[in-house]
Amino acid sequence: SAFGYIARRYGLELVSIYDIQGAGLGSGRIEAVADFIRSRGIKVIFIEPQYPADRVQSLASQLDVRVATLDPLGSPDVPGYTGYLQMMRSNLRTLVENLKD
């Protein structure tokens, strides 16, 4: 949900699985997201490293979609993250690479 401004700028539809506190991935929510993914032919789910990925990975596997990571906070252990601009360039590269097809 941290990438709403990018979604608006590039005409993307943003659907968050987790809320700001990291809650919201119960079985009902998973099924709603799965239906959304199926109905729109989505090929990739973007995750943030600050949230648990196990249930999202499982969902992606069931639906045969890729999972890619976008990092809104920046992690000091990621090479090249020397500042905000480098972090956002990395996120944009990830978006472009995963939205090509």
Protein backbone atom coordinates (compact mmCIF):
# COMPACT_ATOMS: atom_id res chain seq x y z
CA SER A 1 0.00 0.00 0.00
CA ALA A 2 3.04 2.30 0.16
CA PHE A 3 3.05 2.74 -3.61
CA GLY A 4 -0.28 4.49 -4.16
CA TYR A 5 1.36 7.54 -5.71
CA ILE A 6 3.14 5.38 -8.30
CA ALA A 7 -0.08 3.52 -9.07
CA ARG A 8 -1.93 6.81 -9.65
CA ARG A 9 0.91 8.25 -11.74
CA TYR A 10 1.07 5.24 -14.08
CA GLY A 11 -2.59 4.19 -14.12
CA LEU A 12 -2.10 1.01 -12.10
CA GLU A 13 -4.73 -0.48 -9.84
CA LEU A 14 -3.45 -1.04 -6.32
CA VAL A 15 -4.97 -3.74 -4.13
CA SER A 16 -3.48 -4.22 -0.69
CA ILE A 17 -3.61 -7.57 1.03
CA TYR A 18 -2.34 -6.24 4.35
CA ASP A 19 -3.46 -3.13 6.13
CA ILE A 20 -0.98 -0.69 7.64
CA GLN A 21 -0.62 -2.81 10.81
CA GLY A 22 0.07 -5.97 8.79
CA ALA A 23 -3.35 -7.49 9.50
CA GLY A 24 -5.84 -8.71 6.95
CA LEU A 25 -4.60 -11.95 5.43
CA GLY A 26 -7.32 -14.21 6.79
CA SER A 27 -8.85 -16.94 4.63
CA GLY A 28 -11.71 -14.70 3.46
CA ARG A 29 -9.31 -11.99 2.37
CA ILE A 30 -7.06 -14.50 0.61
CA GLU A 31 -10.02 -15.85 -1.37
CA ALA A 32 -11.12 -12.33 -2.35
CA VAL A 33 -7.60 -11.51 -3.53
CA ALA A 34 -7.37 -14.83 -5.40
CA ASP A 35 -10.64 -14.04 -7.20
CA PHE A 36 -9.34 -10.58 -8.07
CA ILE A 37 -6.11 -12.05 -9.47
CA ARG A 38 -7.95 -14.70 -11.52
CA SER A 39 -10.56 -12.30 -12.91
CA ARG A 40 -7.95 -9.86 -14.17
CA GLY A 41 -5.30 -12.28 -15.37
CA ILE A 42 -2.68 -10.84 -13.03
CA LYS A 43 0.77 -12.36 -13.47
CA VAL A 44 2.71 -10.85 -10.54
CA ILE A 45 2.12 -9.98 -6.90
CA PHE A 46 4.34 -7.33 -5.37
CA ILE A 47 5.28 -7.74 -1.73
CA GLU A 48 7.08 -5.55 0.77
CA PRO A 49 9.87 -7.04 2.91
CA GLN A 50 8.31 -5.58 6.07
CA TYR A 51 5.38 -8.04 5.89
CA PRO A 52 5.38 -11.83 6.16
CA ALA A 53 5.57 -13.44 2.73
CA ASP A 54 4.67 -17.07 3.43
CA ARG A 55 0.92 -16.84 2.74
CA VAL A 56 1.45 -14.59 -0.26
CA GLN A 57 4.03 -17.03 -1.66
CA SER A 58 1.56 -19.88 -1.14
CA LEU A 59 -1.20 -17.92 -2.89
CA ALA A 60 1.12 -17.07 -5.78
CA SER A 61 2.08 -20.71 -6.14
CA GLN A 62 -1.56 -21.82 -6.23
CA LEU A 63 -2.37 -19.22 -8.87
CA ASP A 64 0.88 -19.67 -10.85
CA VAL A 65 1.90 -16.01 -10.58
CA ARG A 66 5.28 -14.45 -9.82
CA VAL A 67 6.17 -12.63 -6.62
CA ALA A 68 8.44 -9.58 -6.71
CA THR A 69 9.60 -7.33 -3.89
CA LEU A 70 9.17 -3.56 -3.69
CA ASP A 71 10.82 -1.90 -0.72
CA PRO A 72 9.23 1.35 0.50
CA LEU A 73 11.56 1.76 3.47
CA GLY A 74 14.94 0.73 2.17
CA SER A 75 17.13 -1.86 3.73
CA PRO A 76 20.74 -1.02 4.53
CA ASP A 77 21.84 -4.53 3.49
CA VAL A 78 20.64 -4.08 -0.11
CA PRO A 79 23.54 -3.12 -2.39
CA GLY A 80 23.03 0.26 -4.03
CA TYR A 81 20.62 1.61 -1.43
CA THR A 82 22.65 4.65 -0.53
CA GLY A 83 19.64 6.94 -0.43
CA TYR A 84 15.99 7.46 -1.23
CA LEU A 85 16.46 8.03 -4.98
CA GLN A 86 18.49 4.84 -5.40
CA MET A 87 15.84 2.90 -3.50
CA MET A 88 13.02 4.27 -5.66
CA ARG A 89 14.98 3.63 -8.87
CA SER A 90 15.40 0.03 -7.75
CA ASN A 91 11.66 -0.23 -7.08
CA LEU A 92 10.84 1.23 -10.49
CA ARG A 93 13.22 -1.23 -12.20
CA THR A 94 11.44 -4.05 -10.38
CA LEU A 95 8.06 -2.74 -11.55
CA VAL A 96 9.20 -2.40 -15.16
CA GLU A 97 10.83 -5.84 -15.25
CA ASN A 98 7.75 -7.53 -13.84
CA LEU A 99 5.07 -5.65 -15.76
CA LYS A 100 6.59 -6.11 -19.24
CA ASP A 101 4.40 -9.01 -20.29
